[in-house]
């Protein structure tokens, strides 16, 4: 547990020496520095493979026995292997601390 608190924990500061900053100013400064240093990795990327074959298979499965139905496939995406690997590694490390727990990775950021 000490590893995670050192990695993600906030530094201990003296409560008597805190400065009061307006909330709007602090939020604007935080988002500006975050956007300058980090970029979000997408979980899904465009598919460059045979999109026509994938469209035919998915529409035939979705149509089932309904002869009068029609479908339009607008976009085909596939999982990003880089984010999938990072999510598995991060969840595995976290599960080492608490083996009976479950984790959901919602966002992954990469330093620019």
C-alpha atoms as a PDB file:
ATOM      1  CA  UNK A   1       0.000   0.000   0.000  1.00  0.00           C
ATOM      2  CA  UNK A   2       2.938   2.329   0.604  1.00  0.00           C
ATOM      3  CA  UNK A   3       3.946   2.115  -3.053  1.00  0.00           C
ATOM      4  CA  UNK A   4       0.591   3.454  -4.292  1.00  0.00           C
ATOM      5  CA  UNK A   5       0.442   6.223  -1.697  1.00  0.00           C
ATOM      6  CA  UNK A   6       3.939   7.375  -2.654  1.00  0.00           C
ATOM      7  CA  UNK A   7       3.096   7.229  -6.345  1.00  0.00           C
ATOM      8  CA  UNK A   8      -0.335   8.874  -6.274  1.00  0.00           C
ATOM      9  CA  UNK A   9      -0.467  10.488  -2.831  1.00  0.00           C
ATOM     10  CA  UNK A  10      -0.364  14.203  -2.284  1.00  0.00           C
ATOM     11  CA  UNK A  11       2.556  15.762  -0.496  1.00  0.00           C
ATOM     12  CA  UNK A  12       2.032  16.535   3.172  1.00  0.00           C
ATOM     13  CA  UNK A  13       1.759  20.284   3.707  1.00  0.00           C
ATOM     14  CA  UNK A  14       1.394  22.374   6.806  1.00  0.00           C
ATOM     15  CA  UNK A  15      -2.271  23.332   7.117  1.00  0.00           C
ATOM     16  CA  UNK A  16      -1.453  26.699   8.676  1.00  0.00           C
ATOM     17  CA  UNK A  17       0.500  27.874   5.612  1.00  0.00           C
ATOM     18  CA  UNK A  18      -2.154  27.270   2.942  1.00  0.00           C
ATOM     19  CA  UNK A  19      -2.958  30.059   0.532  1.00  0.00           C
ATOM     20  CA  UNK A  20      -6.490  30.772  -0.600  1.00  0.00           C
ATOM     21  CA  UNK A  21      -6.748  30.783  -4.398  1.00  0.00           C
ATOM     22  CA  UNK A  22      -9.905  31.404  -6.380  1.00  0.00           C
ATOM     23  CA  UNK A  23     -11.313  28.173  -7.777  1.00  0.00           C
ATOM     24  CA  UNK A  24     -11.587  29.433 -11.363  1.00  0.00           C
ATOM     25  CA  UNK A  25      -7.921  30.451 -11.432  1.00  0.00           C
ATOM     26  CA  UNK A  26      -6.764  27.101 -10.035  1.00  0.00           C
ATOM     27  CA  UNK A  27      -8.844  25.070 -12.500  1.00  0.00           C
ATOM     28  CA  UNK A  28      -7.654  27.087 -15.499  1.00  0.00           C
ATOM     29  CA  UNK A  29      -4.011  26.693 -14.457  1.00  0.00           C
ATOM     30  CA  UNK A  30      -4.393  22.957 -13.850  1.00  0.00           C
ATOM     31  CA  UNK A  31      -6.009  22.218 -17.220  1.00  0.00           C
ATOM     32  CA  UNK A  32      -3.418  24.294 -19.023  1.00  0.00           C
ATOM     33  CA  UNK A  33      -0.483  22.373 -17.544  1.00  0.00           C
ATOM     34  CA  UNK A  34      -2.248  19.026 -18.009  1.00  0.00           C
ATOM     35  CA  UNK A  35      -2.905  19.708 -21.676  1.00  0.00           C
ATOM     36  CA  UNK A  36       0.681  20.805 -22.249  1.00  0.00           C
ATOM     37  CA  UNK A  37       2.271  17.663 -20.818  1.00  0.00           C
ATOM     38  CA  UNK A  38      -0.196  14.806 -21.380  1.00  0.00           C
ATOM     39  CA  UNK A  39      -2.298  13.417 -24.202  1.00  0.00           C
ATOM     40  CA  UNK A  40      -5.080  10.875 -23.844  1.00  0.00           C
ATOM     41  CA  UNK A  41      -4.648   7.561 -25.648  1.00  0.00           C
ATOM     42  CA  UNK A  42      -7.796   6.277 -27.372  1.00  0.00           C
ATOM     43  CA  UNK A  43      -9.077   2.819 -26.453  1.00  0.00           C
ATOM     44  CA  UNK A  44     -10.263   2.246 -30.033  1.00  0.00           C
ATOM     45  CA  UNK A  45      -8.507   3.127 -33.295  1.00  0.00           C
ATOM     46  CA  UNK A  46      -9.770   3.067 -36.911  1.00  0.00           C
ATOM     47  CA  UNK A  47      -9.650  -0.304 -38.629  1.00  0.00           C
ATOM     48  CA  UNK A  48      -7.496  -0.485 -41.762  1.00  0.00           C
ATOM     49  CA  UNK A  49      -8.414  -4.097 -42.584  1.00  0.00           C
ATOM     50  CA  UNK A  50     -11.087  -5.321 -44.996  1.00  0.00           C
ATOM     51  CA  UNK A  51     -14.034  -3.169 -43.887  1.00  0.00           C
ATOM     52  CA  UNK A  52     -16.399  -4.525 -46.551  1.00  0.00           C
ATOM     53  CA  UNK A  53     -16.186  -8.112 -45.280  1.00  0.00           C
ATOM     54  CA  UNK A  54     -16.632  -6.978 -41.665  1.00  0.00           C
ATOM     55  CA  UNK A  55     -19.687  -4.887 -42.646  1.00  0.00           C
ATOM     56  CA  UNK A  56     -21.335  -7.804 -44.470  1.00  0.00           C
ATOM     57  CA  UNK A  57     -20.792 -10.193 -41.557  1.00  0.00           C
ATOM     58  CA  UNK A  58     -22.031  -7.792 -38.858  1.00  0.00           C
ATOM     59  CA  UNK A  59     -25.120  -6.697 -40.784  1.00  0.00           C
ATOM     60  CA  UNK A  60     -26.079 -10.302 -41.564  1.00  0.00           C
ATOM     61  CA  UNK A  61     -25.781 -11.223 -37.880  1.00  0.00           C
ATOM     62  CA  UNK A  62     -27.760  -8.153 -36.814  1.00  0.00           C
ATOM     63  CA  UNK A  63     -30.498  -8.731 -39.393  1.00  0.00           C
ATOM     64  CA  UNK A  64     -31.064 -12.317 -38.354  1.00  0.00           C
ATOM     65  CA  UNK A  65     -34.265 -13.604 -39.990  1.00  0.00           C
ATOM     66  CA  UNK A  66     -35.753 -10.152 -40.675  1.00  0.00           C
ATOM     67  CA  UNK A  67     -35.738  -9.869 -44.464  1.00  0.00           C
ATOM     68  CA  UNK A  68     -37.032  -6.310 -44.616  1.00  0.00           C
ATOM     69  CA  UNK A  69     -34.378  -4.773 -42.380  1.00  0.00           C
ATOM     70  CA  UNK A  70     -31.439  -2.693 -43.568  1.00  0.00           C
ATOM     71  CA  UNK A  71     -28.336  -1.419 -41.826  1.00  0.00           C
ATOM     72  CA  UNK A  72     -25.705   1.196 -42.544  1.00  0.00           C
ATOM     73  CA  UNK A  73     -22.233   0.718 -41.058  1.00  0.00           C
ATOM     74  CA  UNK A  74     -20.713   4.164 -40.580  1.00  0.00           C
ATOM     75  CA  UNK A  75     -17.474   3.411 -38.801  1.00  0.00           C
ATOM     76  CA  UNK A  76     -15.495   0.302 -37.855  1.00  0.00           C
ATOM     77  CA  UNK A  77     -13.041   0.544 -34.970  1.00  0.00           C
ATOM     78  CA  UNK A  78     -10.710  -1.958 -33.313  1.00  0.00           C
ATOM     79  CA  UNK A  79      -9.096  -2.063 -29.861  1.00  0.00           C
ATOM     80  CA  UNK A  80      -5.838  -0.197 -29.479  1.00  0.00           C
ATOM     81  CA  UNK A  81      -3.244  -2.856 -28.525  1.00  0.00           C
ATOM     82  CA  UNK A  82      -1.084  -0.310 -26.678  1.00  0.00           C
ATOM     83  CA  UNK A  83      -3.855   0.831 -24.332  1.00  0.00           C
ATOM     84  CA  UNK A  84      -5.020  -2.752 -23.846  1.00  0.00           C
ATOM     85  CA  UNK A  85      -1.538  -3.797 -22.689  1.00  0.00           C
ATOM     86  CA  UNK A  86      -1.162  -0.784 -20.364  1.00  0.00           C
ATOM     87  CA  UNK A  87      -4.594  -1.406 -18.813  1.00  0.00           C
ATOM     88  CA  UNK A  88      -3.785  -5.073 -18.175  1.00  0.00           C
ATOM     89  CA  UNK A  89      -0.429  -4.240 -16.576  1.00  0.00           C
ATOM     90  CA  UNK A  90      -1.887  -1.478 -14.365  1.00  0.00           C
ATOM     91  CA  UNK A  91      -4.812  -3.638 -13.221  1.00  0.00           C
ATOM     92  CA  UNK A  92      -2.474  -6.572 -12.524  1.00  0.00           C
ATOM     93  CA  UNK A  93      -0.178  -4.445 -10.372  1.00  0.00           C
ATOM     94  CA  UNK A  94      -3.140  -3.026  -8.479  1.00  0.00           C
ATOM     95  CA  UNK A  95      -4.592  -6.522  -8.024  1.00  0.00           C
ATOM     96  CA  UNK A  96      -1.352  -7.581  -6.352  1.00  0.00           C
ATOM     97  CA  UNK A  97      -2.236  -5.288  -3.460  1.00  0.00           C
ATOM     98  CA  UNK A  98      -5.910  -6.306  -3.293  1.00  0.00           C
ATOM     99  CA  UNK A  99      -6.424  -9.681  -5.041  1.00  0.00           C
ATOM    100  CA  UNK A 100     -10.194  -9.886  -4.413  1.00  0.00           C
ATOM    101  CA  UNK A 101     -10.940  -6.558  -6.108  1.00  0.00           C
ATOM    102  CA  UNK A 102     -11.904  -5.580  -9.663  1.00  0.00           C
ATOM    103  CA  UNK A 103     -10.595  -2.584 -11.581  1.00  0.00           C
ATOM    104  CA  UNK A 104     -11.878  -0.585 -14.540  1.00  0.00           C
ATOM    105  CA  UNK A 105      -9.433   1.594 -16.479  1.00  0.00           C
ATOM    106  CA  UNK A 106     -11.361   4.590 -17.823  1.00  0.00           C
ATOM    107  CA  UNK A 107      -8.585   6.778 -19.249  1.00  0.00           C
ATOM    108  CA  UNK A 108      -4.925   6.356 -20.128  1.00  0.00           C
ATOM    109  CA  UNK A 109      -2.637   9.325 -20.659  1.00  0.00           C
ATOM    110  CA  UNK A 110       0.768   9.454 -22.311  1.00  0.00           C
ATOM    111  CA  UNK A 111       3.406  12.108 -21.774  1.00  0.00           C
ATOM    112  CA  UNK A 112       3.990  14.132 -24.949  1.00  0.00           C
END
